């Protein structure tokens, strides 16, 4: 009898977690099955829904977020972590066949303080139509790009010379 009584809180606790998680998912802004939009993500962040639940919804229903420096700024302003921003950029780019990034787009990401791994993830996901001239590299460095990001950009342009600007 004692074993049954002590096991009850553990079973009840696990069951309660499942119920609470289900309730939280049912109250998300978009209906189940609808791709998650930028507005949905911002609303969930504003309501302090955990990033884990936000990613669960995005993983389940997809993401219809137009990947851009403005998206990154909106997500950061709403309190998104760098990891969440990176995941949304990756999933959003895959879903939308986003336009390749240009050198000026990279400069915008850097100006917004987007970490190199997030910028690199986006470049890998959508491609790059970047100018790798000496002046462009100098401009990227002046904008705050790291040597690692510039090197990766040159490498990516070398792998796909048809998209590199002269």
N, C-alpha and C. Protein backbone atom coordinates (compact mmCIF):
# COMPACT_ATOMS: atom_id res chain seq x y z
N UNK A 1 0.81 -1.19 0.00
CA UNK A 1 0.00 0.00 0.00
C UNK A 1 0.86 1.26 0.00
N UNK A 2 1.96 1.27 0.73
CA UNK A 2 2.83 2.44 0.78
C UNK A 2 3.44 2.70 -0.59
N UNK A 3 3.82 1.63 -1.30
CA UNK A 3 4.40 1.81 -2.62
C UNK A 3 3.38 2.45 -3.57
N UNK A 4 2.13 2.07 -3.49
CA UNK A 4 1.09 2.66 -4.34
C UNK A 4 0.92 4.14 -4.04
N UNK A 5 0.93 4.50 -2.79
CA UNK A 5 0.73 5.90 -2.41
C UNK A 5 1.91 6.75 -2.86
N UNK A 6 3.14 6.27 -2.73
CA UNK A 6 4.31 7.06 -3.12
C UNK A 6 4.43 7.15 -4.63
N UNK A 7 3.96 6.16 -5.36
CA UNK A 7 4.02 6.21 -6.82
C UNK A 7 2.97 7.13 -7.40
N UNK A 8 1.89 7.39 -6.68
CA UNK A 8 0.81 8.22 -7.17
C UNK A 8 1.26 9.64 -7.56
N UNK A 9 2.04 10.36 -6.73
CA UNK A 9 2.46 11.71 -7.13
C UNK A 9 3.31 11.70 -8.40
N UNK A 10 4.14 10.68 -8.59
CA UNK A 10 4.98 10.62 -9.78
C UNK A 10 4.10 10.44 -11.01
N UNK A 11 3.17 9.50 -10.94
CA UNK A 11 2.27 9.28 -12.07
C UNK A 11 1.40 10.50 -12.32
N UNK A 12 0.89 11.08 -11.24
CA UNK A 12 0.05 12.27 -11.39
C UNK A 12 0.86 13.43 -11.96
N UNK A 13 2.12 13.58 -11.50
CA UNK A 13 2.98 14.66 -11.99
C UNK A 13 3.24 14.54 -13.48
N UNK A 14 3.53 13.33 -13.95
CA UNK A 14 3.76 13.12 -15.38
C UNK A 14 2.50 13.40 -16.17
N UNK A 15 1.36 12.93 -15.66
CA UNK A 15 0.09 13.15 -16.33
C UNK A 15 -0.23 14.64 -16.37
N UNK A 16 0.02 15.32 -15.27
CA UNK A 16 -0.25 16.77 -15.20
C UNK A 16 0.60 17.52 -16.21
N UNK A 17 1.85 17.11 -16.39
CA UNK A 17 2.73 17.75 -17.38
C UNK A 17 2.17 17.59 -18.78
N UNK A 18 1.68 16.40 -19.10
CA UNK A 18 1.10 16.15 -20.42
C UNK A 18 -0.13 17.03 -20.62
N UNK A 19 -0.98 17.12 -19.62
CA UNK A 19 -2.20 17.94 -19.72
C UNK A 19 -1.83 19.41 -19.90
N UNK A 20 -0.89 19.91 -19.09
CA UNK A 20 -0.49 21.31 -19.20
C UNK A 20 0.14 21.62 -20.55
N UNK A 21 0.97 20.73 -21.05
CA UNK A 21 1.57 20.93 -22.35
C UNK A 21 0.50 20.95 -23.44
N UNK A 22 -0.45 20.05 -23.35
CA UNK A 22 -1.55 20.01 -24.32
C UNK A 22 -2.36 21.29 -24.27
N UNK A 23 -2.63 21.79 -23.07
CA UNK A 23 -3.39 23.02 -22.92
C UNK A 23 -2.63 24.19 -23.52
N UNK A 24 -1.33 24.24 -23.28
CA UNK A 24 -0.52 25.34 -23.81
C UNK A 24 -0.52 25.31 -25.33
N UNK A 25 -0.38 24.13 -25.91
CA UNK A 25 -0.37 24.03 -27.36
C UNK A 25 -1.72 24.39 -27.96
N UNK A 26 -2.79 24.11 -27.25
CA UNK A 26 -4.12 24.43 -27.76
C UNK A 26 -4.38 25.93 -27.75
N UNK A 27 -3.65 26.68 -26.95
CA UNK A 27 -3.89 28.11 -26.85
C UNK A 27 -2.94 28.93 -27.71
N UNK A 28 -2.18 28.28 -28.60
CA UNK A 28 -1.27 29.03 -29.46
C UNK A 28 -2.08 29.86 -30.45
N UNK A 29 -1.53 30.99 -30.91
CA UNK A 29 -2.30 31.89 -31.75
C UNK A 29 -2.83 31.28 -33.04
N UNK A 30 -2.04 30.48 -33.74
CA UNK A 30 -2.51 29.91 -35.01
C UNK A 30 -3.18 28.58 -34.73
N UNK A 31 -4.17 28.26 -35.55
CA UNK A 31 -4.85 26.98 -35.41
C UNK A 31 -3.89 25.85 -35.77
N UNK A 32 -4.12 24.69 -35.19
CA UNK A 32 -3.26 23.54 -35.46
C UNK A 32 -3.23 23.27 -36.95
N UNK A 33 -2.05 23.07 -37.47
CA UNK A 33 -1.90 22.77 -38.88
C UNK A 33 -1.54 23.99 -39.72
N UNK A 34 -1.85 25.18 -39.25
CA UNK A 34 -1.50 26.39 -39.99
C UNK A 34 -0.01 26.67 -39.80
N UNK A 35 0.69 27.03 -40.89
CA UNK A 35 2.10 27.39 -40.71
C UNK A 35 2.23 28.57 -39.75
N UNK A 36 3.24 28.54 -38.95
CA UNK A 36 3.48 29.59 -37.97
C UNK A 36 4.03 30.82 -38.68
N UNK A 37 3.44 31.97 -38.42
CA UNK A 37 3.88 33.22 -39.05
C UNK A 37 4.77 34.00 -38.08
N UNK A 38 5.38 35.03 -38.60
CA UNK A 38 6.18 35.93 -37.76
C UNK A 38 5.32 36.51 -36.65
N UNK A 39 4.11 36.91 -37.00
CA UNK A 39 3.20 37.49 -36.01
C UNK A 39 2.88 36.47 -34.91
N UNK A 40 2.71 35.20 -35.30
CA UNK A 40 2.44 34.15 -34.32
C UNK A 40 3.60 34.02 -33.33
N UNK A 41 4.81 33.99 -33.87
CA UNK A 41 6.00 33.83 -33.02
C UNK A 41 6.12 35.01 -32.06
N UNK A 42 5.93 36.21 -32.57
CA UNK A 42 6.03 37.40 -31.72
C UNK A 42 4.94 37.39 -30.66
N UNK A 43 3.73 36.99 -31.03
CA UNK A 43 2.64 36.91 -30.05
C UNK A 43 2.96 35.89 -28.97
N UNK A 44 3.50 34.75 -29.36
CA UNK A 44 3.85 33.72 -28.36
C UNK A 44 4.96 34.20 -27.44
N UNK A 45 5.97 34.89 -28.01
CA UNK A 45 7.05 35.43 -27.18
C UNK A 45 6.50 36.47 -26.21
N UNK A 46 5.60 37.32 -26.70
CA UNK A 46 5.00 38.37 -25.87
C UNK A 46 4.21 37.77 -24.70
N UNK A 47 3.56 36.65 -24.97
CA UNK A 47 2.80 35.96 -23.92
C UNK A 47 3.67 35.04 -23.06
N UNK A 48 4.96 35.13 -23.28
CA UNK A 48 5.95 34.36 -22.51
C UNK A 48 5.76 32.85 -22.63
N UNK A 49 5.32 32.40 -23.80
CA UNK A 49 5.28 30.96 -24.08
C UNK A 49 6.72 30.52 -24.31
N UNK A 50 7.10 29.42 -23.75
CA UNK A 50 8.50 28.99 -23.81
C UNK A 50 8.94 28.76 -25.25
N UNK A 51 10.22 29.00 -25.47
CA UNK A 51 10.78 28.80 -26.80
C UNK A 51 10.70 27.33 -27.22
N UNK A 52 10.73 26.43 -26.25
CA UNK A 52 10.58 25.02 -26.56
C UNK A 52 9.22 24.72 -27.17
N UNK A 53 8.17 25.32 -26.61
CA UNK A 53 6.83 25.14 -27.17
C UNK A 53 6.70 25.82 -28.53
N UNK A 54 7.32 26.97 -28.68
CA UNK A 54 7.28 27.68 -29.96
C UNK A 54 7.94 26.81 -31.04
N UNK A 55 9.10 26.24 -30.71
CA UNK A 55 9.79 25.37 -31.69
C UNK A 55 8.99 24.10 -31.95
N UNK A 56 8.30 23.59 -30.94
CA UNK A 56 7.47 22.40 -31.16
C UNK A 56 6.38 22.71 -32.18
N UNK A 57 5.77 23.87 -32.05
CA UNK A 57 4.72 24.28 -33.01
C UNK A 57 5.32 24.46 -34.39
N UNK A 58 6.44 25.14 -34.48
CA UNK A 58 7.08 25.37 -35.78
C UNK A 58 7.49 24.04 -36.41
N UNK A 59 8.05 23.15 -35.61
CA UNK A 59 8.47 21.84 -36.14
C UNK A 59 7.26 21.05 -36.64
N UNK A 60 6.16 21.17 -35.95
CA UNK A 60 4.95 20.43 -36.32
C UNK A 60 4.26 21.03 -37.54
N UNK A 61 4.10 22.35 -37.56
CA UNK A 61 3.29 23.00 -38.57
C UNK A 61 4.07 23.77 -39.63
N UNK A 62 5.37 23.90 -39.46
CA UNK A 62 6.16 24.67 -40.41
C UNK A 62 6.19 26.14 -40.04
N UNK A 63 6.95 26.89 -40.81
CA UNK A 63 7.13 28.31 -40.52
C UNK A 63 6.97 29.10 -41.81
N UNK A 64 6.09 30.07 -41.78
CA UNK A 64 5.85 30.92 -42.93
C UNK A 64 6.39 32.32 -42.61
N UNK A 65 7.67 32.37 -42.26
CA UNK A 65 8.30 33.62 -41.88
C UNK A 65 9.22 34.07 -43.02
N UNK A 66 9.03 35.28 -43.50
CA UNK A 66 9.89 35.84 -44.53
C UNK A 66 11.24 36.19 -43.90
N UNK A 67 12.26 35.43 -44.24
CA UNK A 67 13.57 35.62 -43.62
C UNK A 67 14.22 36.88 -44.15
N UNK A 68 14.54 37.78 -43.22
CA UNK A 68 15.16 39.05 -43.57
C UNK A 68 15.80 39.64 -42.31
N UNK A 69 16.64 40.64 -42.49
CA UNK A 69 17.18 41.32 -41.31
C UNK A 69 16.07 41.93 -40.45
N UNK A 70 14.98 42.36 -41.07
CA UNK A 70 13.87 42.93 -40.32
C UNK A 70 13.22 41.88 -39.43
N UNK A 71 13.11 40.65 -39.93
CA UNK A 71 12.58 39.54 -39.13
C UNK A 71 13.44 39.33 -37.91
N UNK A 72 14.75 39.32 -38.11
CA UNK A 72 15.67 39.11 -36.99
C UNK A 72 15.49 40.21 -35.96
N UNK A 73 15.38 41.46 -36.42
CA UNK A 73 15.20 42.59 -35.50
C UNK A 73 13.90 42.44 -34.72
N UNK A 74 12.82 42.05 -35.39
CA UNK A 74 11.53 41.88 -34.71
C UNK A 74 11.61 40.77 -33.66
N UNK A 75 12.23 39.66 -34.01
CA UNK A 75 12.34 38.54 -33.07
C UNK A 75 13.20 38.92 -31.87
N UNK A 76 14.32 39.59 -32.12
CA UNK A 76 15.19 40.01 -31.02
C UNK A 76 14.46 40.99 -30.11
N UNK A 77 13.72 41.91 -30.69
CA UNK A 77 12.96 42.90 -29.91
C UNK A 77 11.91 42.21 -29.03
N UNK A 78 11.35 41.12 -29.54
CA UNK A 78 10.33 40.37 -28.79
C UNK A 78 10.94 39.46 -27.74
N UNK A 79 12.27 39.36 -27.72
CA UNK A 79 12.95 38.58 -26.69
C UNK A 79 13.40 37.20 -27.10
N UNK A 80 13.43 36.91 -28.39
CA UNK A 80 13.86 35.59 -28.86
C UNK A 80 15.35 35.39 -28.63
N UNK A 81 15.73 34.19 -28.26
CA UNK A 81 17.14 33.86 -28.09
C UNK A 81 17.79 33.69 -29.46
N UNK A 82 19.12 33.71 -29.49
CA UNK A 82 19.85 33.50 -30.74
C UNK A 82 19.54 32.12 -31.32
N UNK A 83 19.34 31.14 -30.45
CA UNK A 83 19.03 29.78 -30.91
C UNK A 83 17.66 29.74 -31.60
N UNK A 84 16.67 30.39 -31.04
CA UNK A 84 15.34 30.42 -31.65
C UNK A 84 15.40 31.15 -32.98
N UNK A 85 16.09 32.28 -33.02
CA UNK A 85 16.22 33.04 -34.26
C UNK A 85 16.87 32.18 -35.33
N UNK A 86 17.93 31.48 -34.96
CA UNK A 86 18.64 30.62 -35.91
C UNK A 86 17.72 29.52 -36.44
N UNK A 87 16.96 28.88 -35.56
CA UNK A 87 16.04 27.82 -35.99
C UNK A 87 14.96 28.36 -36.91
N UNK A 88 14.42 29.53 -36.60
CA UNK A 88 13.37 30.12 -37.43
C UNK A 88 13.94 30.49 -38.80
N UNK A 89 15.15 31.04 -38.82
CA UNK A 89 15.78 31.38 -40.10
C UNK A 89 15.97 30.11 -40.94
N UNK A 90 16.47 29.06 -40.32
CA UNK A 90 16.71 27.80 -41.05
C UNK A 90 15.41 27.23 -41.59
N UNK A 91 14.42 27.10 -40.73
CA UNK A 91 13.15 26.49 -41.14
C UNK A 91 12.41 27.40 -42.12
N UNK A 92 12.42 28.69 -41.86
CA UNK A 92 11.74 29.63 -42.75
C UNK A 92 12.37 29.67 -44.13
N UNK A 93 13.69 29.62 -44.19
CA UNK A 93 14.38 29.63 -45.48
C UNK A 93 14.09 28.36 -46.27
N UNK A 94 14.08 27.23 -45.57
CA UNK A 94 13.79 25.95 -46.24
C UNK A 94 12.37 25.96 -46.80
N UNK A 95 11.43 26.51 -46.05
CA UNK A 95 10.03 26.48 -46.44
C UNK A 95 9.71 27.45 -47.58
N UNK A 96 10.40 28.55 -47.65
CA UNK A 96 10.02 29.59 -48.59
C UNK A 96 10.91 29.69 -49.82
N UNK A 97 11.95 28.91 -49.92
CA UNK A 97 12.90 29.06 -51.02
C UNK A 97 13.31 30.53 -51.11
N UNK A 98 13.80 31.05 -50.02
CA UNK A 98 14.12 32.47 -49.91
C UNK A 98 15.15 32.90 -50.94
N UNK A 99 15.14 34.19 -51.23
CA UNK A 99 16.12 34.75 -52.16
C UNK A 99 17.51 34.66 -51.55
N UNK A 100 18.50 34.45 -52.41
CA UNK A 100 19.88 34.41 -51.88
C UNK A 100 20.24 35.73 -51.21
N UNK A 101 21.14 35.64 -50.27
CA UNK A 101 21.60 36.81 -49.52
C UNK A 101 22.63 37.57 -50.37
N UNK A 102 22.57 38.88 -50.29
CA UNK A 102 23.57 39.72 -50.94
C UNK A 102 24.54 40.25 -49.89
N UNK A 103 25.60 40.87 -50.36
CA UNK A 103 26.58 41.44 -49.43
C UNK A 103 25.92 42.49 -48.54
N UNK A 104 25.05 43.31 -49.10
CA UNK A 104 24.38 44.33 -48.28
C UNK A 104 23.46 43.67 -47.25
N UNK A 105 22.88 42.52 -47.58
CA UNK A 105 22.07 41.79 -46.60
C UNK A 105 22.91 41.30 -45.43
N UNK A 106 24.11 40.85 -45.73
CA UNK A 106 25.02 40.41 -44.66
C UNK A 106 25.36 41.58 -43.76
N UNK A 107 25.64 42.73 -44.35
CA UNK A 107 25.95 43.93 -43.57
C UNK A 107 24.78 44.29 -42.66
N UNK A 108 23.54 44.15 -43.17
CA UNK A 108 22.36 44.44 -42.34
C UNK A 108 22.26 43.48 -41.15
N UNK A 109 22.51 42.19 -41.41
CA UNK A 109 22.49 41.21 -40.32
C UNK A 109 23.53 41.56 -39.27
N UNK A 110 24.72 41.93 -39.71
CA UNK A 110 25.81 42.27 -38.78
C UNK A 110 25.42 43.51 -37.96
N UNK A 111 24.85 44.52 -38.64
CA UNK A 111 24.44 45.75 -37.95
C UNK A 111 23.40 45.48 -36.88
N UNK A 112 22.57 44.45 -37.08
CA UNK A 112 21.55 44.08 -36.09
C UNK A 112 22.12 43.22 -34.97
N UNK A 113 23.40 42.88 -35.07
CA UNK A 113 24.02 42.07 -34.03
C UNK A 113 23.73 40.59 -34.13
N UNK A 114 23.33 40.13 -35.32
CA UNK A 114 23.05 38.71 -35.51
C UNK A 114 24.36 37.95 -35.41
N UNK A 115 24.42 36.92 -34.58
CA UNK A 115 25.67 36.17 -34.43
C UNK A 115 26.09 35.48 -35.73
N UNK A 116 27.40 35.33 -35.91
CA UNK A 116 27.94 34.70 -37.12
C UNK A 116 27.30 33.36 -37.44
N UNK A 117 27.13 32.47 -36.45
CA UNK A 117 26.54 31.18 -36.79
C UNK A 117 25.13 31.29 -37.39
N UNK A 118 24.37 32.28 -36.95
CA UNK A 118 23.02 32.49 -37.50
C UNK A 118 23.12 33.00 -38.94
N UNK A 119 24.01 33.95 -39.18
CA UNK A 119 24.20 34.47 -40.53
C UNK A 119 24.66 33.33 -41.45
N UNK A 120 25.62 32.54 -40.98
CA UNK A 120 26.16 31.44 -41.77
C UNK A 120 25.07 30.41 -42.07
N UNK A 121 24.25 30.10 -41.10
CA UNK A 121 23.15 29.15 -41.29
C UNK A 121 22.21 29.65 -42.39
N UNK A 122 21.91 30.93 -42.36
CA UNK A 122 21.04 31.52 -43.37
C UNK A 122 21.70 31.46 -44.75
N UNK A 123 22.97 31.79 -44.83
CA UNK A 123 23.69 31.73 -46.10
C UNK A 123 23.66 30.31 -46.68
N UNK A 124 23.88 29.34 -45.82
CA UNK A 124 23.86 27.94 -46.28
C UNK A 124 22.47 27.52 -46.73
N UNK A 125 21.45 28.04 -46.07
CA UNK A 125 20.08 27.64 -46.38
C UNK A 125 19.57 28.26 -47.69
N UNK A 126 19.91 29.52 -47.95
CA UNK A 126 19.32 30.21 -49.11
C UNK A 126 20.33 30.54 -50.20
N UNK A 127 21.59 30.40 -49.91
CA UNK A 127 22.60 30.74 -50.90
C UNK A 127 23.05 32.18 -50.77
N UNK A 128 24.03 32.52 -51.58
CA UNK A 128 24.64 33.84 -51.47
C UNK A 128 24.95 34.38 -52.86
N UNK A 129 24.51 35.57 -53.10
CA UNK A 129 24.89 36.31 -54.29
C UNK A 129 25.73 37.49 -53.81
N UNK A 130 26.92 37.15 -53.35
CA UNK A 130 27.76 38.13 -52.67
C UNK A 130 28.95 38.55 -53.51
N UNK A 131 29.29 39.79 -53.34
CA UNK A 131 30.48 40.36 -53.97
C UNK A 131 31.67 40.00 -53.09
N UNK A 132 32.63 39.31 -53.68
CA UNK A 132 33.82 38.94 -52.91
C UNK A 132 35.06 39.71 -53.38
N UNK A 133 34.81 40.90 -53.94
CA UNK A 133 35.94 41.75 -54.33
C UNK A 133 36.67 42.23 -53.08
N UNK A 134 37.88 42.71 -53.28
CA UNK A 134 38.67 43.22 -52.15
C UNK A 134 37.91 44.32 -51.42
N UNK A 135 37.28 45.25 -52.17
CA UNK A 135 36.56 46.35 -51.53
C UNK A 135 35.37 45.85 -50.72
N UNK A 136 34.68 44.84 -51.24
CA UNK A 136 33.55 44.27 -50.52
C UNK A 136 34.00 43.61 -49.23
N UNK A 137 35.11 42.91 -49.28
CA UNK A 137 35.65 42.27 -48.07
C UNK A 137 36.04 43.33 -47.05
N UNK A 138 36.63 44.42 -47.51
CA UNK A 138 36.99 45.53 -46.62
C UNK A 138 35.72 46.11 -45.99
N UNK A 139 34.67 46.29 -46.82
CA UNK A 139 33.40 46.84 -46.31
C UNK A 139 32.78 45.91 -45.26
N UNK A 140 32.82 44.60 -45.51
CA UNK A 140 32.29 43.63 -44.54
C UNK A 140 33.07 43.71 -43.23
N UNK A 141 34.39 43.79 -43.33
CA UNK A 141 35.22 43.86 -42.12
C UNK A 141 34.91 45.15 -41.34
N UNK A 142 34.78 46.26 -42.04
CA UNK A 142 34.44 47.53 -41.40
C UNK A 142 33.07 47.47 -40.73
N UNK A 143 32.16 46.68 -41.30
CA UNK A 143 30.81 46.54 -40.73
C UNK A 143 30.81 45.66 -39.49
N UNK A 144 31.93 44.94 -39.26
CA UNK A 144 32.02 44.11 -38.07
C UNK A 144 32.01 42.62 -38.33
N UNK A 145 32.08 42.21 -39.60
CA UNK A 145 32.11 40.78 -39.92
C UNK A 145 33.41 40.16 -39.40
N UNK A 146 33.30 38.97 -38.86
CA UNK A 146 34.49 38.28 -38.37
C UNK A 146 35.26 37.68 -39.54
N UNK A 147 36.52 37.37 -39.29
CA UNK A 147 37.33 36.72 -40.31
C UNK A 147 36.73 35.37 -40.70
N UNK A 148 36.15 34.68 -39.72
CA UNK A 148 35.55 33.37 -39.99
C UNK A 148 34.37 33.51 -40.95
N UNK A 149 33.52 34.52 -40.72
CA UNK A 149 32.36 34.72 -41.58
C UNK A 149 32.80 35.12 -42.99
N UNK A 150 33.77 36.02 -43.08
CA UNK A 150 34.27 36.44 -44.40
C UNK A 150 34.89 35.26 -45.12
N UNK A 151 35.67 34.44 -44.40
CA UNK A 151 36.26 33.25 -45.01
C UNK A 151 35.21 32.28 -45.51
N UNK A 152 34.17 32.07 -44.72
CA UNK A 152 33.08 31.17 -45.11
C UNK A 152 32.35 31.73 -46.34
N UNK A 153 32.20 33.03 -46.38
CA UNK A 153 31.55 33.69 -47.51
C UNK A 153 32.36 33.49 -48.79
N UNK A 154 33.67 33.65 -48.69
CA UNK A 154 34.55 33.45 -49.85
C UNK A 154 34.49 31.99 -50.29
N UNK A 155 34.51 31.09 -49.32
CA UNK A 155 34.43 29.66 -49.62
C UNK A 155 33.11 29.32 -50.31
N UNK A 156 32.02 29.85 -49.80
CA UNK A 156 30.70 29.60 -50.39
C UNK A 156 30.63 30.15 -51.81
N UNK A 157 31.19 31.32 -52.04
CA UNK A 157 31.20 31.91 -53.37
C UNK A 157 32.06 31.09 -54.33
N UNK A 158 33.15 30.52 -53.83
CA UNK A 158 34.02 29.68 -54.66
C UNK A 158 33.32 28.38 -55.05
N UNK A 159 32.47 27.85 -54.14
CA UNK A 159 31.72 26.63 -54.43
C UNK A 159 30.65 26.86 -55.48
N UNK A 160 30.13 28.08 -55.56
CA UNK A 160 29.07 28.40 -56.50
C UNK A 160 29.43 29.69 -57.24
N UNK A 161 30.42 29.64 -58.13
CA UNK A 161 30.90 30.87 -58.77
C UNK A 161 29.85 31.56 -59.64
N UNK A 162 28.81 30.85 -60.06
CA UNK A 162 27.78 31.47 -60.89
C UNK A 162 27.00 32.54 -60.13
N UNK A 163 26.95 32.43 -58.79
CA UNK A 163 26.18 33.42 -58.02
C UNK A 163 27.06 34.53 -57.45
N UNK A 164 28.37 34.38 -57.51
CA UNK A 164 29.26 35.41 -56.96
C UNK A 164 29.32 36.59 -57.90
N UNK A 165 29.20 37.79 -57.34
CA UNK A 165 29.32 38.99 -58.15
C UNK A 165 30.78 39.22 -58.47
N UNK A 166 31.08 39.87 -59.60
CA UNK A 166 32.49 40.13 -59.95
C UNK A 166 33.13 41.13 -59.01
